[in-house]
Amino acid sequence: MAAPRVDASRHALPPTLVDVAGDRLRDAILSGALRPGEKLVEERLCSEFGISRAPLREALRLLAQQGLVEQMPRRGSRVADCSPSDVRALFALRHVLECHAIDTALPRPDLESALAPVRAALDDMGSAGDELARDDAHRRFHATVTGLAGNRQLDLTLAPILLKLQLPMARNLRTEARHTATDGIARHRAILTALQTNDPAVVIAALADHGHLRYVELPPER
């Protein structure tokens, strides 16, 4: 497993043992180092991380809330393995929320300044130094698109869906990079281009056509 990687932006205070364990596990899951369905052996992870079971179990609990880990009564924990139907359902929910946000946000007179966070997320996707930073920027891109509506309740509704989509979204981009069938940056730049029209119908069409379901249409990773 990779060396510790703690993103300072995730923690305002110095990271705790729970933070460190959670970040290492999250990164290993999203990078594919830990595979869907793989059992997470507490004794081995405690030894590898140099921590006791208490912070590890808290990290596993938090990752389970995010949809990255499944906790099984009396059988321990394993990496979550969403079925294709679950993935489709989560993407469908994201799409509904994004379309509602765009339908209420556009047109708007301050469009150029409002799009600054979307542009920043797209730039970060392109300049990311590794897959995990790119995945974070990708998730932020979709959050900022919905954030254009300025609707706090909508943002709060979307947040757990994006957390549960971390794994399929990461796998989608990783699989796409391997097959080089489509450029993920170009797909998301098309959404930004649509947003610049200030026309909700154009943006909703671009969101529907940006290829987010390609993950479930390709064979499993080897």
C-alpha atoms as a PDB file:
ATOM      1  CA  MET A   1       0.000   0.000   0.000  1.00  0.00           C
ATOM      2  CA  ALA A   2       1.207   3.516  -0.681  1.00  0.00           C
ATOM      3  CA  ALA A   3       2.938   5.698   1.880  1.00  0.00           C
ATOM      4  CA  PRO A   4       0.751   7.992   4.033  1.00  0.00           C
ATOM      5  CA  ARG A   5      -0.896  10.747   2.068  1.00  0.00           C
ATOM      6  CA  VAL A   6      -2.747  13.319   4.130  1.00  0.00           C
ATOM      7  CA  ASP A   7      -4.402  16.144   2.234  1.00  0.00           C
ATOM      8  CA  ALA A   8      -4.017  19.225   4.438  1.00  0.00           C
ATOM      9  CA  SER A   9      -7.110  20.778   2.858  1.00  0.00           C
ATOM     10  CA  ARG A  10      -9.249  18.049   4.422  1.00  0.00           C
ATOM     11  CA  HIS A  11      -8.227  18.883   7.995  1.00  0.00           C
ATOM     12  CA  ALA A  12      -8.127  22.328   9.615  1.00  0.00           C
ATOM     13  CA  LEU A  13      -6.286  20.837  12.653  1.00  0.00           C
ATOM     14  CA  PRO A  14      -3.265  18.500  12.675  1.00  0.00           C
ATOM     15  CA  PRO A  15      -4.430  15.063  11.532  1.00  0.00           C
ATOM     16  CA  THR A  16      -5.419  12.537  14.164  1.00  0.00           C
ATOM     17  CA  LEU A  17      -4.726   8.810  13.942  1.00  0.00           C
ATOM     18  CA  VAL A  18      -8.292   8.420  12.668  1.00  0.00           C
ATOM     19  CA  ASP A  19      -7.599  11.010   9.932  1.00  0.00           C
ATOM     20  CA  VAL A  20      -4.366   9.324   8.870  1.00  0.00           C
ATOM     21  CA  ALA A  21      -5.891   5.852   8.779  1.00  0.00           C
ATOM     22  CA  GLY A  22      -8.977   7.122   6.957  1.00  0.00           C
ATOM     23  CA  ASP A  23      -6.932   8.985   4.351  1.00  0.00           C
ATOM     24  CA  ARG A  24      -4.653   6.020   3.685  1.00  0.00           C
ATOM     25  CA  LEU A  25      -7.567   3.638   3.310  1.00  0.00           C
ATOM     26  CA  ARG A  26      -9.566   6.063   1.170  1.00  0.00           C
ATOM     27  CA  ASP A  27      -6.619   6.663  -1.149  1.00  0.00           C
ATOM     28  CA  ALA A  28      -5.899   2.939  -1.445  1.00  0.00           C
ATOM     29  CA  ILE A  29      -9.548   2.259  -2.311  1.00  0.00           C
ATOM     30  CA  LEU A  30      -9.904   5.090  -4.830  1.00  0.00           C
ATOM     31  CA  SER A  31      -6.572   4.278  -6.498  1.00  0.00           C
ATOM     32  CA  GLY A  32      -7.574   0.636  -6.945  1.00  0.00           C
ATOM     33  CA  ALA A  33      -4.834  -0.692  -4.638  1.00  0.00           C
ATOM     34  CA  LEU A  34      -7.655  -2.160  -2.544  1.00  0.00           C
ATOM     35  CA  ARG A  35     -10.266  -3.811  -4.767  1.00  0.00           C
ATOM     36  CA  PRO A  36     -14.055  -3.811  -4.414  1.00  0.00           C
ATOM     37  CA  GLY A  37     -15.090  -6.667  -2.151  1.00  0.00           C
ATOM     38  CA  GLU A  38     -11.593  -7.084  -0.644  1.00  0.00           C
ATOM     39  CA  LYS A  39     -11.642  -7.901   3.067  1.00  0.00           C
ATOM     40  CA  LEU A  40     -10.022  -5.315   5.347  1.00  0.00           C
ATOM     41  CA  VAL A  41      -8.104  -7.281   7.984  1.00  0.00           C
ATOM     42  CA  GLU A  42      -7.888  -5.122  11.098  1.00  0.00           C
ATOM     43  CA  GLU A  43      -4.795  -6.830  12.550  1.00  0.00           C
ATOM     44  CA  ARG A  44      -2.822  -6.320   9.341  1.00  0.00           C
ATOM     45  CA  LEU A  45      -3.958  -2.700   8.930  1.00  0.00           C
ATOM     46  CA  CYS A  46      -3.161  -1.854  12.560  1.00  0.00           C
ATOM     47  CA  SER A  47       0.331  -3.228  12.098  1.00  0.00           C
ATOM     48  CA  GLU A  48       0.828  -1.407   8.804  1.00  0.00           C
ATOM     49  CA  PHE A  49      -0.452   1.941  10.114  1.00  0.00           C
ATOM     50  CA  GLY A  50       1.154   1.581  13.566  1.00  0.00           C
ATOM     51  CA  ILE A  51      -2.131   2.283  15.374  1.00  0.00           C
ATOM     52  CA  SER A  52      -4.508   0.483  17.718  1.00  0.00           C
ATOM     53  CA  ARG A  53      -7.868  -0.961  16.737  1.00  0.00           C
ATOM     54  CA  ALA A  54      -9.890   1.962  18.168  1.00  0.00           C
ATOM     55  CA  PRO A  55      -8.814   4.673  15.648  1.00  0.00           C
ATOM     56  CA  LEU A  56      -8.834   2.140  12.814  1.00  0.00           C
ATOM     57  CA  ARG A  57     -12.396   1.106  13.580  1.00  0.00           C
ATOM     58  CA  GLU A  58     -13.482   4.748  13.752  1.00  0.00           C
ATOM     59  CA  ALA A  59     -11.842   5.362  10.355  1.00  0.00           C
ATOM     60  CA  LEU A  60     -13.663   2.331   8.938  1.00  0.00           C
ATOM     61  CA  ARG A  61     -16.942   3.619  10.364  1.00  0.00           C
ATOM     62  CA  LEU A  62     -16.466   7.015   8.711  1.00  0.00           C
ATOM     63  CA  LEU A  63     -15.556   5.428   5.380  1.00  0.00           C
ATOM     64  CA  ALA A  64     -18.663   3.255   5.638  1.00  0.00           C
ATOM     65  CA  GLN A  65     -20.748   6.435   5.931  1.00  0.00           C
ATOM     66  CA  GLN A  66     -19.130   7.624   2.707  1.00  0.00           C
ATOM     67  CA  GLY A  67     -20.004   4.398   0.915  1.00  0.00           C
ATOM     68  CA  LEU A  68     -16.387   3.268   0.477  1.00  0.00           C
ATOM     69  CA  VAL A  69     -16.474   0.479   3.067  1.00  0.00           C
ATOM     70  CA  GLU A  70     -19.080  -2.120   3.989  1.00  0.00           C
ATOM     71  CA  GLN A  71     -19.233  -3.226   7.620  1.00  0.00           C
ATOM     72  CA  MET A  72     -20.634  -6.726   8.083  1.00  0.00           C
ATOM     73  CA  PRO A  73     -21.891  -7.822  11.516  1.00  0.00           C
ATOM     74  CA  ARG A  74     -19.490 -10.357  13.078  1.00  0.00           C
ATOM     75  CA  ARG A  75     -17.583 -10.590   9.774  1.00  0.00           C
ATOM     76  CA  GLY A  76     -15.524  -7.395   9.799  1.00  0.00           C
ATOM     77  CA  SER A  77     -15.231  -4.891   6.967  1.00  0.00           C
ATOM     78  CA  ARG A  78     -14.547  -4.975   3.248  1.00  0.00           C
ATOM     79  CA  VAL A  79     -14.165  -2.503   0.407  1.00  0.00           C
ATOM     80  CA  ALA A  80     -17.593  -1.535  -0.908  1.00  0.00           C
ATOM     81  CA  ASP A  81     -18.692  -3.080  -4.167  1.00  0.00           C
ATOM     82  CA  CYS A  82     -21.600  -1.196  -5.754  1.00  0.00           C
ATOM     83  CA  SER A  83     -23.647  -3.118  -8.281  1.00  0.00           C
ATOM     84  CA  PRO A  84     -24.146  -1.574 -11.734  1.00  0.00           C
ATOM     85  CA  SER A  85     -27.778  -0.869 -10.802  1.00  0.00           C
ATOM     86  CA  ASP A  86     -26.661   0.983  -7.638  1.00  0.00           C
ATOM     87  CA  VAL A  87     -24.192   3.030  -9.669  1.00  0.00           C
ATOM     88  CA  ARG A  88     -26.827   3.927 -12.245  1.00  0.00           C
ATOM     89  CA  ALA A  89     -29.236   4.942  -9.484  1.00  0.00           C
ATOM     90  CA  LEU A  90     -26.656   7.197  -7.803  1.00  0.00           C
ATOM     91  CA  PHE A  91     -25.678   8.849 -11.093  1.00  0.00           C
ATOM     92  CA  ALA A  92     -29.374   9.335 -11.887  1.00  0.00           C
ATOM     93  CA  LEU A  93     -29.888  11.101  -8.557  1.00  0.00           C
ATOM     94  CA  ARG A  94     -26.875  13.316  -9.201  1.00  0.00           C
ATOM     95  CA  HIS A  95     -28.209  14.155 -12.649  1.00  0.00           C
ATOM     96  CA  VAL A  96     -31.646  15.100 -11.297  1.00  0.00           C
ATOM     97  CA  LEU A  97     -30.092  17.422  -8.720  1.00  0.00           C
ATOM     98  CA  GLU A  98     -27.715  18.992 -11.244  1.00  0.00           C
ATOM     99  CA  CYS A  99     -30.529  19.598 -13.731  1.00  0.00           C
ATOM    100  CA  HIS A 100     -32.714  21.160 -11.042  1.00  0.00           C
ATOM    101  CA  ALA A 101     -29.815  23.397 -10.006  1.00  0.00           C
ATOM    102  CA  ILE A 102     -29.171  24.551 -13.576  1.00  0.00           C
ATOM    103  CA  ASP A 103     -32.863  25.108 -14.271  1.00  0.00           C
ATOM    104  CA  THR A 104     -33.072  27.463 -11.286  1.00  0.00           C
ATOM    105  CA  ALA A 105     -29.619  29.070 -11.621  1.00  0.00           C
ATOM    106  CA  LEU A 106     -29.642  30.118 -15.281  1.00  0.00           C
ATOM    107  CA  PRO A 107     -29.769  32.542 -16.921  1.00  0.00           C
ATOM    108  CA  ARG A 108     -27.955  34.904 -14.579  1.00  0.00           C
ATOM    109  CA  PRO A 109     -26.311  38.293 -15.203  1.00  0.00           C
ATOM    110  CA  ASP A 110     -23.174  37.524 -13.165  1.00  0.00           C
ATOM    111  CA  LEU A 111     -22.385  34.330 -15.051  1.00  0.00           C
ATOM    112  CA  GLU A 112     -18.669  34.920 -15.625  1.00  0.00           C
ATOM    113  CA  SER A 113     -17.863  35.448 -11.957  1.00  0.00           C
ATOM    114  CA  ALA A 114     -20.234  32.672 -10.886  1.00  0.00           C
ATOM    115  CA  LEU A 115     -18.381  30.176 -13.090  1.00  0.00           C
ATOM    116  CA  ALA A 116     -15.016  30.859 -11.416  1.00  0.00           C
ATOM    117  CA  PRO A 117     -15.249  27.841  -9.016  1.00  0.00           C
ATOM    118  CA  VAL A 118     -16.254  25.559 -11.901  1.00  0.00           C
ATOM    119  CA  ARG A 119     -13.277  26.734 -13.961  1.00  0.00           C
ATOM    120  CA  ALA A 120     -10.952  26.289 -10.982  1.00  0.00           C
ATOM    121  CA  ALA A 121     -12.098  22.700 -10.451  1.00  0.00           C
ATOM    122  CA  LEU A 122     -11.635  21.916 -14.146  1.00  0.00           C
ATOM    123  CA  ASP A 123      -8.153  23.478 -14.107  1.00  0.00           C
ATOM    124  CA  ASP A 124      -7.290  21.351 -11.073  1.00  0.00           C
ATOM    125  CA  MET A 125      -8.458  18.235 -12.915  1.00  0.00           C
ATOM    126  CA  GLY A 126      -6.043  19.057 -15.712  1.00  0.00           C
ATOM    127  CA  SER A 127      -3.081  19.948 -13.511  1.00  0.00           C
ATOM    128  CA  ALA A 128      -3.528  17.215 -10.885  1.00  0.00           C
ATOM    129  CA  GLY A 129      -0.260  15.482 -10.074  1.00  0.00           C
ATOM    130  CA  ASP A 130      -1.868  12.139  -9.366  1.00  0.00           C
ATOM    131  CA  GLU A 131      -5.116  10.233  -9.766  1.00  0.00           C
ATOM    132  CA  LEU A 132      -6.342  11.016  -6.264  1.00  0.00           C
ATOM    133  CA  ALA A 133      -5.963  14.777  -6.663  1.00  0.00           C
ATOM    134  CA  ARG A 134      -7.748  14.506 -10.016  1.00  0.00           C
ATOM    135  CA  ASP A 135     -10.573  12.538  -8.397  1.00  0.00           C
ATOM    136  CA  ASP A 136     -10.989  15.225  -5.730  1.00  0.00           C
ATOM    137  CA  ALA A 137     -11.116  17.945  -8.397  1.00  0.00           C
ATOM    138  CA  HIS A 138     -13.606  15.914 -10.441  1.00  0.00           C
ATOM    139  CA  ARG A 139     -15.927  15.606  -7.456  1.00  0.00           C
ATOM    140  CA  ARG A 140     -15.557  19.326  -6.740  1.00  0.00           C
ATOM    141  CA  PHE A 141     -16.390  20.141 -10.373  1.00  0.00           C
ATOM    142  CA  HIS A 142     -19.798  18.515 -10.055  1.00  0.00           C
ATOM    143  CA  ALA A 143     -20.389  20.085  -6.641  1.00  0.00           C
ATOM    144  CA  THR A 144     -19.660  23.569  -8.008  1.00  0.00           C
ATOM    145  CA  VAL A 145     -21.993  23.048 -10.973  1.00  0.00           C
ATOM    146  CA  THR A 146     -24.844  22.335  -8.571  1.00  0.00           C
ATOM    147  CA  GLY A 147     -23.597  25.137  -6.326  1.00  0.00           C
ATOM    148  CA  LEU A 148     -24.482  27.665  -9.044  1.00  0.00           C
ATOM    149  CA  ALA A 149     -28.063  27.529  -7.756  1.00  0.00           C
ATOM    150  CA  GLY A 150     -26.981  28.972  -4.404  1.00  0.00           C
ATOM    151  CA  ASN A 151     -29.314  26.513  -2.685  1.00  0.00           C
ATOM    152  CA  ARG A 152     -27.844  25.246   0.586  1.00  0.00           C
ATOM    153  CA  GLN A 153     -30.372  22.434   0.948  1.00  0.00           C
ATOM    154  CA  LEU A 154     -29.602  21.257  -2.571  1.00  0.00           C
ATOM    155  CA  ASP A 155     -25.874  21.239  -1.786  1.00  0.00           C
ATOM    156  CA  LEU A 156     -26.479  19.274   1.416  1.00  0.00           C
ATOM    157  CA  THR A 157     -28.581  16.760  -0.489  1.00  0.00           C
ATOM    158  CA  LEU A 158     -25.914  16.290  -3.157  1.00  0.00           C
ATOM    159  CA  ALA A 159     -22.957  15.929  -0.766  1.00  0.00           C
ATOM    160  CA  PRO A 160     -23.642  12.353   0.445  1.00  0.00           C
ATOM    161  CA  ILE A 161     -24.431  11.237  -3.106  1.00  0.00           C
ATOM    162  CA  LEU A 162     -21.041  12.500  -4.298  1.00  0.00           C
ATOM    163  CA  LEU A 163     -19.373  10.702  -1.392  1.00  0.00           C
ATOM    164  CA  LYS A 164     -21.048   7.432  -2.337  1.00  0.00           C
ATOM    165  CA  LEU A 165     -20.032   8.015  -5.964  1.00  0.00           C
ATOM    166  CA  GLN A 166     -16.343   8.471  -5.089  1.00  0.00           C
ATOM    167  CA  LEU A 167     -15.442   4.923  -6.049  1.00  0.00           C
ATOM    168  CA  PRO A 168     -17.337   4.619  -9.357  1.00  0.00           C
ATOM    169  CA  MET A 169     -16.307   8.151 -10.393  1.00  0.00           C
ATOM    170  CA  ALA A 170     -12.642   7.349  -9.691  1.00  0.00           C
ATOM    171  CA  ARG A 171     -12.887   4.038 -11.505  1.00  0.00           C
ATOM    172  CA  ASN A 172     -14.601   5.722 -14.443  1.00  0.00           C
ATOM    173  CA  LEU A 173     -11.757   8.212 -14.923  1.00  0.00           C
ATOM    174  CA  ARG A 174      -9.098   5.529 -14.371  1.00  0.00           C
ATOM    175  CA  THR A 175     -10.698   3.142 -16.849  1.00  0.00           C
ATOM    176  CA  GLU A 176     -11.144   5.949 -19.345  1.00  0.00           C
ATOM    177  CA  ALA A 177      -7.456   6.864 -19.100  1.00  0.00           C
ATOM    178  CA  ARG A 178      -6.499   3.232 -19.745  1.00  0.00           C
ATOM    179  CA  HIS A 179      -8.757   2.859 -22.779  1.00  0.00           C
ATOM    180  CA  THR A 180      -8.087   6.424 -24.052  1.00  0.00           C
ATOM    181  CA  ALA A 181     -11.479   6.297 -25.746  1.00  0.00           C
ATOM    182  CA  THR A 182     -12.384   9.755 -24.499  1.00  0.00           C
ATOM    183  CA  ASP A 183     -10.551  12.585 -22.780  1.00  0.00           C
ATOM    184  CA  GLY A 184     -12.146  13.137 -19.362  1.00  0.00           C
ATOM    185  CA  ILE A 185     -10.983  16.753 -19.253  1.00  0.00           C
ATOM    186  CA  ALA A 186     -12.546  17.412 -22.662  1.00  0.00           C
ATOM    187  CA  ARG A 187     -15.838  15.853 -21.542  1.00  0.00           C
ATOM    188  CA  HIS A 188     -16.040  18.185 -18.580  1.00  0.00           C
ATOM    189  CA  ARG A 189     -14.796  21.181 -20.550  1.00  0.00           C
ATOM    190  CA  ALA A 190     -17.841  20.634 -22.789  1.00  0.00           C
ATOM    191  CA  ILE A 191     -20.038  21.166 -19.737  1.00  0.00           C
ATOM    192  CA  LEU A 192     -18.234  24.431 -18.961  1.00  0.00           C
ATOM    193  CA  THR A 193     -18.670  25.518 -22.582  1.00  0.00           C
ATOM    194  CA  ALA A 194     -22.379  24.785 -22.296  1.00  0.00           C
ATOM    195  CA  LEU A 195     -22.583  26.752 -19.048  1.00  0.00           C
ATOM    196  CA  GLN A 196     -21.076  29.772 -20.805  1.00  0.00           C
ATOM    197  CA  THR A 197     -24.134  29.947 -23.071  1.00  0.00           C
ATOM    198  CA  ASN A 198     -26.230  30.859 -20.009  1.00  0.00           C
ATOM    199  CA  ASP A 199     -28.948  28.633 -21.470  1.00  0.00           C
ATOM    200  CA  PRO A 200     -30.278  25.960 -19.084  1.00  0.00           C
ATOM    201  CA  ALA A 201     -31.503  23.715 -21.918  1.00  0.00           C
ATOM    202  CA  VAL A 202     -28.026  23.618 -23.485  1.00  0.00           C
ATOM    203  CA  VAL A 203     -26.379  22.810 -20.141  1.00  0.00           C
ATOM    204  CA  ILE A 204     -28.864  20.076 -19.247  1.00  0.00           C
ATOM    205  CA  ALA A 205     -28.269  18.451 -22.637  1.00  0.00           C
ATOM    206  CA  ALA A 206     -24.499  18.578 -22.050  1.00  0.00           C
ATOM    207  CA  LEU A 207     -24.865  17.007 -18.596  1.00  0.00           C
ATOM    208  CA  ALA A 208     -26.948  14.183 -20.036  1.00  0.00           C
ATOM    209  CA  ASP A 209     -24.375  13.538 -22.762  1.00  0.00           C
ATOM    210  CA  HIS A 210     -21.094  13.742 -20.841  1.00  0.00           C
ATOM    211  CA  GLY A 211     -20.540   9.989 -20.534  1.00  0.00           C
ATOM    212  CA  HIS A 212     -20.782   9.463 -16.789  1.00  0.00           C
ATOM    213  CA  LEU A 213     -22.237   5.947 -17.208  1.00  0.00           C
ATOM    214  CA  ARG A 214     -19.300   4.619 -19.228  1.00  0.00           C
ATOM    215  CA  TYR A 215     -18.018   2.971 -16.035  1.00  0.00           C
ATOM    216  CA  VAL A 216     -20.827   0.417 -15.945  1.00  0.00           C
ATOM    217  CA  GLU A 217     -20.482  -0.394 -19.658  1.00  0.00           C
ATOM    218  CA  LEU A 218     -16.849  -1.578 -19.526  1.00  0.00           C
ATOM    219  CA  PRO A 219     -15.585  -4.923 -18.176  1.00  0.00           C
ATOM    220  CA  PRO A 220     -14.249  -4.998 -14.593  1.00  0.00           C
ATOM    221  CA  GLU A 221     -10.660  -3.916 -13.997  1.00  0.00           C
ATOM    222  CA  ARG A 222      -8.059  -6.657 -13.807  1.00  0.00           C
END
